[in-house]
Amino acid sequence: MFNKTALLMKNAELNHAKPLKYVVIGTDVNRDNGLCEVLNHSLSHLEVCHVDIFDSRVYPGQDFADINLEFTEKPKKHKIGINEWQHHQYHYYAVDLAQQPRAVKTDIHPALLFALNQLEGQITAAKTADQLIMLLLPTGWDSHQDETAFCGKLIDGQLMSEADAKKYRFNNQDLVYFYEQVLQLYKANKESVAGIYWGLEGGYDQAMYTQQIPLMLTTLALQLKEEPNASPCLMC
């Protein structure tokens, strides 16, 4: 099976003399099951922290019980809606939006806060071990509360309500905060970052792309405007 994120990781492995740490954060509404399969079966010798944010209700056969069948070891439960599976050096964190609602409407979504905490922890561990981090961000906006495509919000034959979308999906404030924090962590730890890949994975209706691409690029530009040497490290 070919997966572009996995191919980038393999390429990074071949082009660095010392082993890297890899952090993958997937934010589209469907599970990164293809990538998970490749990393679990073919690249588990790599040191990978894979945070996969998804809603198990949108696509069948992708809940925690199904994921259990893909791994031989039992999961570690971090909190409600977040389980971690491990195979060799591959750590897979499944973050189910169906079990991770926003508690207060003005709060940053807890799924993104968990992902940022994992990233910060991996950077700290890499610095301690004198390693470099490769960050891969397969980004999709079908997890946005304003997505209009049915395939992002159709649950048990019913379209998710606006109130539920505000609890179980991301908004612009969430995403801008996530982009800003990723870049802040990069700027504070540039010597430990081998590269950042920002890939666009989802967002089914054109209106979502039209809204979100300028938002992301503007946020990145503002964060990197005083970083003249940042561009060689960042791939979009």
C-alpha atoms as a PDB file:
ATOM      1  CA  MET A   1       0.000   0.000   0.000  1.00  0.00           C
ATOM      2  CA  PHE A   2       1.302   3.470  -0.906  1.00  0.00           C
ATOM      3  CA  ASN A   3       0.673   6.456   1.344  1.00  0.00           C
ATOM      4  CA  LYS A   4       2.225   9.838   0.614  1.00  0.00           C
ATOM      5  CA  THR A   5       2.831  10.679   4.281  1.00  0.00           C
ATOM      6  CA  ALA A   6       4.533   7.318   4.824  1.00  0.00           C
ATOM      7  CA  LEU A   7       6.643   7.853   1.689  1.00  0.00           C
ATOM      8  CA  LEU A   8       7.820  11.213   3.019  1.00  0.00           C
ATOM      9  CA  MET A   9       8.766   9.552   6.299  1.00  0.00           C
ATOM     10  CA  LYS A  10      10.715   6.824   4.499  1.00  0.00           C
ATOM     11  CA  ASN A  11      12.466   9.455   2.383  1.00  0.00           C
ATOM     12  CA  ALA A  12      13.426  11.376   5.532  1.00  0.00           C
ATOM     13  CA  GLU A  13      14.815   8.175   7.042  1.00  0.00           C
ATOM     14  CA  LEU A  14      16.981   7.527   3.968  1.00  0.00           C
ATOM     15  CA  ASN A  15      18.296  11.091   3.866  1.00  0.00           C
ATOM     16  CA  HIS A  16      19.333  11.494   7.508  1.00  0.00           C
ATOM     17  CA  ALA A  17      22.340   9.753   8.984  1.00  0.00           C
ATOM     18  CA  LYS A  18      20.884   9.662  12.492  1.00  0.00           C
ATOM     19  CA  PRO A  19      17.423   8.262  13.335  1.00  0.00           C
ATOM     20  CA  LEU A  20      14.668  10.869  13.500  1.00  0.00           C
ATOM     21  CA  LYS A  21      11.629  11.192  15.698  1.00  0.00           C
ATOM     22  CA  TYR A  22       8.427  11.524  13.665  1.00  0.00           C
ATOM     23  CA  VAL A  23       5.282  13.279  14.838  1.00  0.00           C
ATOM     24  CA  VAL A  24       2.144  12.912  12.710  1.00  0.00           C
ATOM     25  CA  ILE A  25      -1.014  14.876  13.555  1.00  0.00           C
ATOM     26  CA  GLY A  26      -4.029  14.123  11.370  1.00  0.00           C
ATOM     27  CA  THR A  27      -6.986  16.474  11.744  1.00  0.00           C
ATOM     28  CA  ASP A  28      -9.446  15.406   9.040  1.00  0.00           C
ATOM     29  CA  VAL A  29     -12.702  13.837  10.192  1.00  0.00           C
ATOM     30  CA  ASN A  30     -11.979  10.325   8.948  1.00  0.00           C
ATOM     31  CA  ARG A  31      -9.402   8.063  10.543  1.00  0.00           C
ATOM     32  CA  ASP A  32      -5.879   7.773   9.072  1.00  0.00           C
ATOM     33  CA  ASN A  33      -6.420   4.031   8.750  1.00  0.00           C
ATOM     34  CA  GLY A  34      -4.315   3.652   5.586  1.00  0.00           C
ATOM     35  CA  LEU A  35      -1.346   5.456   7.113  1.00  0.00           C
ATOM     36  CA  CYS A  36      -1.794   3.552  10.364  1.00  0.00           C
ATOM     37  CA  GLU A  37      -1.658   0.242   8.492  1.00  0.00           C
ATOM     38  CA  VAL A  38       1.574   1.147   6.692  1.00  0.00           C
ATOM     39  CA  LEU A  39       3.290   2.448   9.829  1.00  0.00           C
ATOM     40  CA  ASN A  40       2.111  -0.486  11.923  1.00  0.00           C
ATOM     41  CA  HIS A  41       3.150  -3.211   9.472  1.00  0.00           C
ATOM     42  CA  SER A  42       6.055  -1.717   7.496  1.00  0.00           C
ATOM     43  CA  LEU A  43       7.599   1.219   9.365  1.00  0.00           C
ATOM     44  CA  SER A  44       7.206   0.349  13.045  1.00  0.00           C
ATOM     45  CA  HIS A  45      11.011   0.442  13.374  1.00  0.00           C
ATOM     46  CA  LEU A  46      10.738   4.235  13.076  1.00  0.00           C
ATOM     47  CA  GLU A  47      10.144   6.251  16.233  1.00  0.00           C
ATOM     48  CA  VAL A  48       6.671   7.608  15.493  1.00  0.00           C
ATOM     49  CA  CYS A  49       4.080   9.478  17.539  1.00  0.00           C
ATOM     50  CA  HIS A  50       0.889   9.449  15.447  1.00  0.00           C
ATOM     51  CA  VAL A  51      -2.017  11.518  16.782  1.00  0.00           C
ATOM     52  CA  ASP A  52      -5.072  10.663  14.695  1.00  0.00           C
ATOM     53  CA  ILE A  53      -8.110  12.890  15.304  1.00  0.00           C
ATOM     54  CA  PHE A  54     -11.333  11.556  13.770  1.00  0.00           C
ATOM     55  CA  ASP A  55     -15.029  10.917  14.399  1.00  0.00           C
ATOM     56  CA  SER A  56     -15.738   7.185  14.568  1.00  0.00           C
ATOM     57  CA  ARG A  57     -19.429   7.771  13.791  1.00  0.00           C
ATOM     58  CA  VAL A  58     -18.803   9.119  10.290  1.00  0.00           C
ATOM     59  CA  TYR A  59     -17.193   6.033   8.755  1.00  0.00           C
ATOM     60  CA  PRO A  60     -18.158   2.518   9.915  1.00  0.00           C
ATOM     61  CA  GLY A  61     -15.624   0.045  11.253  1.00  0.00           C
ATOM     62  CA  GLN A  62     -13.214   2.625  12.678  1.00  0.00           C
ATOM     63  CA  ASP A  63     -13.988   2.758  16.401  1.00  0.00           C
ATOM     64  CA  PHE A  64     -11.749   1.627  19.253  1.00  0.00           C
ATOM     65  CA  ALA A  65     -13.032  -1.960  19.113  1.00  0.00           C
ATOM     66  CA  ASP A  66     -12.058  -2.146  15.441  1.00  0.00           C
ATOM     67  CA  ILE A  67      -8.637  -0.602  16.086  1.00  0.00           C
ATOM     68  CA  ASN A  68      -8.017  -3.250  18.756  1.00  0.00           C
ATOM     69  CA  LEU A  69      -8.088  -5.848  15.977  1.00  0.00           C
ATOM     70  CA  GLU A  70      -5.193  -4.117  14.208  1.00  0.00           C
ATOM     71  CA  PHE A  71      -2.790  -4.328  17.158  1.00  0.00           C
ATOM     72  CA  THR A  72      -1.611  -7.273  19.247  1.00  0.00           C
ATOM     73  CA  GLU A  73      -1.157  -5.239  22.435  1.00  0.00           C
ATOM     74  CA  LYS A  74      -4.012  -3.785  24.456  1.00  0.00           C
ATOM     75  CA  PRO A  75      -4.355  -0.001  24.394  1.00  0.00           C
ATOM     76  CA  LYS A  76      -3.372   2.471  27.058  1.00  0.00           C
ATOM     77  CA  LYS A  77      -6.297   4.731  27.961  1.00  0.00           C
ATOM     78  CA  HIS A  78      -5.271   8.361  28.420  1.00  0.00           C
ATOM     79  CA  LYS A  79      -8.712   9.877  29.004  1.00  0.00           C
ATOM     80  CA  ILE A  80     -12.223   9.450  27.659  1.00  0.00           C
ATOM     81  CA  GLY A  81     -12.012   9.303  23.886  1.00  0.00           C
ATOM     82  CA  ILE A  82      -8.216   8.910  23.679  1.00  0.00           C
ATOM     83  CA  ASN A  83      -6.492   5.523  23.486  1.00  0.00           C
ATOM     84  CA  GLU A  84      -2.872   4.711  22.646  1.00  0.00           C
ATOM     85  CA  TRP A  85      -1.722   1.560  20.868  1.00  0.00           C
ATOM     86  CA  GLN A  86       1.929   0.585  20.404  1.00  0.00           C
ATOM     87  CA  HIS A  87       3.794  -1.731  18.047  1.00  0.00           C
ATOM     88  CA  HIS A  88       7.585  -1.637  18.398  1.00  0.00           C
ATOM     89  CA  GLN A  89       8.425   2.106  18.158  1.00  0.00           C
ATOM     90  CA  TYR A  90       5.136   3.121  16.568  1.00  0.00           C
ATOM     91  CA  HIS A  91       2.756   4.860  18.998  1.00  0.00           C
ATOM     92  CA  TYR A  92      -0.745   5.413  17.648  1.00  0.00           C
ATOM     93  CA  TYR A  93      -3.025   7.815  19.550  1.00  0.00           C
ATOM     94  CA  ALA A  94      -6.661   7.569  18.460  1.00  0.00           C
ATOM     95  CA  VAL A  95      -8.594  10.712  19.410  1.00  0.00           C
ATOM     96  CA  ASP A  96     -12.301  10.151  18.798  1.00  0.00           C
ATOM     97  CA  LEU A  97     -14.231  13.391  18.364  1.00  0.00           C
ATOM     98  CA  ALA A  98     -17.410  11.457  19.177  1.00  0.00           C
ATOM     99  CA  GLN A  99     -16.112  11.198  22.755  1.00  0.00           C
ATOM    100  CA  GLN A 100     -14.242  14.517  22.900  1.00  0.00           C
ATOM    101  CA  PRO A 101     -16.815  17.328  22.949  1.00  0.00           C
ATOM    102  CA  ARG A 102     -15.921  20.929  23.584  1.00  0.00           C
ATOM    103  CA  ALA A 103     -16.854  21.632  27.216  1.00  0.00           C
ATOM    104  CA  VAL A 104     -17.296  25.411  26.882  1.00  0.00           C
ATOM    105  CA  LYS A 105     -18.077  27.009  23.536  1.00  0.00           C
ATOM    106  CA  THR A 106     -15.258  29.547  23.896  1.00  0.00           C
ATOM    107  CA  ASP A 107     -12.606  26.925  24.724  1.00  0.00           C
ATOM    108  CA  ILE A 108     -10.054  25.597  22.259  1.00  0.00           C
ATOM    109  CA  HIS A 109     -11.119  22.094  21.254  1.00  0.00           C
ATOM    110  CA  PRO A 110      -9.581  19.492  23.632  1.00  0.00           C
ATOM    111  CA  ALA A 111      -8.538  17.202  20.762  1.00  0.00           C
ATOM    112  CA  LEU A 112      -6.190  19.863  19.386  1.00  0.00           C
ATOM    113  CA  LEU A 113      -4.852  20.670  22.857  1.00  0.00           C
ATOM    114  CA  PHE A 114      -3.985  16.994  23.319  1.00  0.00           C
ATOM    115  CA  ALA A 115      -2.170  16.941  19.974  1.00  0.00           C
ATOM    116  CA  LEU A 116      -0.165  20.047  20.865  1.00  0.00           C
ATOM    117  CA  ASN A 117       0.785  18.564  24.241  1.00  0.00           C
ATOM    118  CA  GLN A 118       2.055  15.436  22.503  1.00  0.00           C
ATOM    119  CA  LEU A 119       4.070  17.516  20.045  1.00  0.00           C
ATOM    120  CA  GLU A 120       5.650  19.555  22.818  1.00  0.00           C
ATOM    121  CA  GLY A 121       6.523  16.389  24.742  1.00  0.00           C
ATOM    122  CA  GLN A 122       8.107  14.796  21.682  1.00  0.00           C
ATOM    123  CA  ILE A 123      10.222  17.895  21.031  1.00  0.00           C
ATOM    124  CA  THR A 124      11.436  17.857  24.632  1.00  0.00           C
ATOM    125  CA  ALA A 125      12.302  14.155  24.364  1.00  0.00           C
ATOM    126  CA  ALA A 126      14.119  14.719  21.069  1.00  0.00           C
ATOM    127  CA  LYS A 127      16.253  17.495  22.541  1.00  0.00           C
ATOM    128  CA  THR A 128      17.157  15.301  25.508  1.00  0.00           C
ATOM    129  CA  ALA A 129      18.186  12.460  23.179  1.00  0.00           C
ATOM    130  CA  ASP A 130      19.976  14.793  20.729  1.00  0.00           C
ATOM    131  CA  GLN A 131      17.567  13.818  17.948  1.00  0.00           C
ATOM    132  CA  LEU A 132      15.741  15.738  15.247  1.00  0.00           C
ATOM    133  CA  ILE A 133      11.964  15.851  14.813  1.00  0.00           C
ATOM    134  CA  MET A 134      10.125  15.458  11.519  1.00  0.00           C
ATOM    135  CA  LEU A 135       6.602  16.887  11.815  1.00  0.00           C
ATOM    136  CA  LEU A 136       3.915  15.788   9.371  1.00  0.00           C
ATOM    137  CA  LEU A 137       0.501  17.458   9.384  1.00  0.00           C
ATOM    138  CA  PRO A 138      -2.038  15.810   7.049  1.00  0.00           C
ATOM    139  CA  THR A 139      -4.668  18.531   7.423  1.00  0.00           C
ATOM    140  CA  GLY A 140      -8.324  18.302   6.466  1.00  0.00           C
ATOM    141  CA  TRP A 141     -11.187  20.730   6.990  1.00  0.00           C
ATOM    142  CA  ASP A 142     -14.031  18.238   6.820  1.00  0.00           C
ATOM    143  CA  SER A 143     -13.644  18.324  10.612  1.00  0.00           C
ATOM    144  CA  HIS A 144     -14.684  22.008  10.617  1.00  0.00           C
ATOM    145  CA  GLN A 145     -18.070  22.894  12.107  1.00  0.00           C
ATOM    146  CA  ASP A 146     -19.078  24.725   8.915  1.00  0.00           C
ATOM    147  CA  GLU A 147     -18.391  21.837   6.524  1.00  0.00           C
ATOM    148  CA  THR A 148     -21.494  21.363   4.367  1.00  0.00           C
ATOM    149  CA  ALA A 149     -20.692  17.989   2.766  1.00  0.00           C
ATOM    150  CA  PHE A 150     -22.916  15.230   4.109  1.00  0.00           C
ATOM    151  CA  CYS A 151     -20.041  12.735   4.293  1.00  0.00           C
ATOM    152  CA  GLY A 152     -18.426  14.814   7.040  1.00  0.00           C
ATOM    153  CA  LYS A 153     -21.507  15.114   9.263  1.00  0.00           C
ATOM    154  CA  LEU A 154     -23.908  12.294   8.422  1.00  0.00           C
ATOM    155  CA  ILE A 155     -24.294  10.154  11.544  1.00  0.00           C
ATOM    156  CA  ASP A 156     -26.724   7.232  11.730  1.00  0.00           C
ATOM    157  CA  GLY A 157     -28.569   8.614   8.730  1.00  0.00           C
ATOM    158  CA  GLN A 158     -29.033  12.052  10.303  1.00  0.00           C
ATOM    159  CA  LEU A 159     -27.118  15.243   9.563  1.00  0.00           C
ATOM    160  CA  MET A 160     -25.312  16.581  12.621  1.00  0.00           C
ATOM    161  CA  SER A 161     -27.103  19.562  14.172  1.00  0.00           C
ATOM    162  CA  GLU A 162     -25.490  22.985  14.328  1.00  0.00           C
ATOM    163  CA  ALA A 163     -25.281  22.729  18.128  1.00  0.00           C
ATOM    164  CA  ASP A 164     -23.513  19.357  17.939  1.00  0.00           C
ATOM    165  CA  ALA A 165     -21.162  20.624  15.233  1.00  0.00           C
ATOM    166  CA  LYS A 166     -20.018  23.383  17.579  1.00  0.00           C
ATOM    167  CA  LYS A 167     -19.194  20.751  20.230  1.00  0.00           C
ATOM    168  CA  TYR A 168     -17.733  17.928  18.132  1.00  0.00           C
ATOM    169  CA  ARG A 169     -16.022  19.858  15.327  1.00  0.00           C
ATOM    170  CA  PHE A 170     -13.365  22.564  15.042  1.00  0.00           C
ATOM    171  CA  ASN A 171     -13.910  26.254  14.338  1.00  0.00           C
ATOM    172  CA  ASN A 172     -11.631  28.974  12.969  1.00  0.00           C
ATOM    173  CA  GLN A 173     -10.432  29.936  16.437  1.00  0.00           C
ATOM    174  CA  ASP A 174      -9.350  26.345  17.100  1.00  0.00           C
ATOM    175  CA  LEU A 175      -7.450  26.037  13.848  1.00  0.00           C
ATOM    176  CA  VAL A 176      -5.701  29.407  14.041  1.00  0.00           C
ATOM    177  CA  TYR A 177      -4.606  28.570  17.589  1.00  0.00           C
ATOM    178  CA  PHE A 178      -3.327  25.174  16.431  1.00  0.00           C
ATOM    179  CA  TYR A 179      -1.367  26.687  13.517  1.00  0.00           C
ATOM    180  CA  GLU A 180       0.088  29.398  15.747  1.00  0.00           C
ATOM    181  CA  GLN A 181       1.160  26.978  18.462  1.00  0.00           C
ATOM    182  CA  VAL A 182       2.801  24.603  15.983  1.00  0.00           C
ATOM    183  CA  LEU A 183       4.816  27.478  14.533  1.00  0.00           C
ATOM    184  CA  GLN A 184       5.656  28.860  17.984  1.00  0.00           C
ATOM    185  CA  LEU A 185       7.020  25.445  18.984  1.00  0.00           C
ATOM    186  CA  TYR A 186       9.002  25.322  15.759  1.00  0.00           C
ATOM    187  CA  LYS A 187      10.488  28.795  16.242  1.00  0.00           C
ATOM    188  CA  ALA A 188      11.470  27.999  19.833  1.00  0.00           C
ATOM    189  CA  ASN A 189      13.094  24.697  18.844  1.00  0.00           C
ATOM    190  CA  LYS A 190      14.346  25.182  15.284  1.00  0.00           C
ATOM    191  CA  GLU A 191      17.595  23.365  15.973  1.00  0.00           C
ATOM    192  CA  SER A 192      15.614  20.215  16.777  1.00  0.00           C
ATOM    193  CA  VAL A 193      13.278  20.254  13.741  1.00  0.00           C
ATOM    194  CA  ALA A 194      14.394  18.440  10.590  1.00  0.00           C
ATOM    195  CA  GLY A 195      11.337  19.526   8.622  1.00  0.00           C
ATOM    196  CA  ILE A 196       7.612  20.217   8.597  1.00  0.00           C
ATOM    197  CA  TYR A 197       5.235  18.816   5.995  1.00  0.00           C
ATOM    198  CA  TRP A 198       1.809  20.452   5.829  1.00  0.00           C
ATOM    199  CA  GLY A 199      -0.459  18.452   3.544  1.00  0.00           C
ATOM    200  CA  LEU A 200      -4.048  19.174   2.553  1.00  0.00           C
ATOM    201  CA  GLU A 201      -6.141  16.037   2.947  1.00  0.00           C
ATOM    202  CA  GLY A 202      -9.816  16.907   3.146  1.00  0.00           C
ATOM    203  CA  GLY A 203     -12.606  19.454   3.101  1.00  0.00           C
ATOM    204  CA  TYR A 204     -15.165  18.229   0.629  1.00  0.00           C
ATOM    205  CA  ASP A 205     -16.962  21.358  -0.543  1.00  0.00           C
ATOM    206  CA  GLN A 206     -15.177  24.160  -2.380  1.00  0.00           C
ATOM    207  CA  ALA A 207     -16.538  26.771   0.025  1.00  0.00           C
ATOM    208  CA  MET A 208     -14.534  25.179   2.830  1.00  0.00           C
ATOM    209  CA  TYR A 209     -11.293  25.249   0.839  1.00  0.00           C
ATOM    210  CA  THR A 210     -11.945  28.843  -0.227  1.00  0.00           C
ATOM    211  CA  GLN A 211     -12.353  29.873   3.401  1.00  0.00           C
ATOM    212  CA  GLN A 212      -9.661  27.787   5.048  1.00  0.00           C
ATOM    213  CA  ILE A 213      -6.676  27.969   2.684  1.00  0.00           C
ATOM    214  CA  PRO A 214      -6.303  31.782   3.042  1.00  0.00           C
ATOM    215  CA  LEU A 215      -6.829  31.473   6.806  1.00  0.00           C
ATOM    216  CA  MET A 216      -4.044  28.903   7.119  1.00  0.00           C
ATOM    217  CA  LEU A 217      -1.615  30.678   4.792  1.00  0.00           C
ATOM    218  CA  THR A 218      -2.187  34.062   6.436  1.00  0.00           C
ATOM    219  CA  THR A 219      -1.553  32.568   9.867  1.00  0.00           C
ATOM    220  CA  LEU A 220       1.624  30.844   8.695  1.00  0.00           C
ATOM    221  CA  ALA A 221       2.870  33.990   6.964  1.00  0.00           C
ATOM    222  CA  LEU A 222       2.366  36.089  10.095  1.00  0.00           C
ATOM    223  CA  GLN A 223       4.197  33.539  12.231  1.00  0.00           C
ATOM    224  CA  LEU A 224       7.114  33.145   9.810  1.00  0.00           C
ATOM    225  CA  LYS A 225       7.559  36.738   8.600  1.00  0.00           C
ATOM    226  CA  GLU A 226      10.481  37.285  10.966  1.00  0.00           C
ATOM    227  CA  GLU A 227      11.981  33.872  10.207  1.00  0.00           C
ATOM    228  CA  PRO A 228      13.994  34.330   6.972  1.00  0.00           C
ATOM    229  CA  ASN A 229      15.548  30.878   7.282  1.00  0.00           C
ATOM    230  CA  ALA A 230      12.293  29.053   7.979  1.00  0.00           C
ATOM    231  CA  SER A 231      11.167  28.250   4.458  1.00  0.00           C
ATOM    232  CA  PRO A 232      13.686  25.430   3.675  1.00  0.00           C
ATOM    233  CA  CYS A 233      12.265  23.502   6.629  1.00  0.00           C
ATOM    234  CA  LEU A 234       8.592  23.957   5.770  1.00  0.00           C
ATOM    235  CA  MET A 235       6.890  22.021   2.974  1.00  0.00           C
ATOM    236  CA  CYS A 236       3.242  22.620   2.055  1.00  0.00           C
END
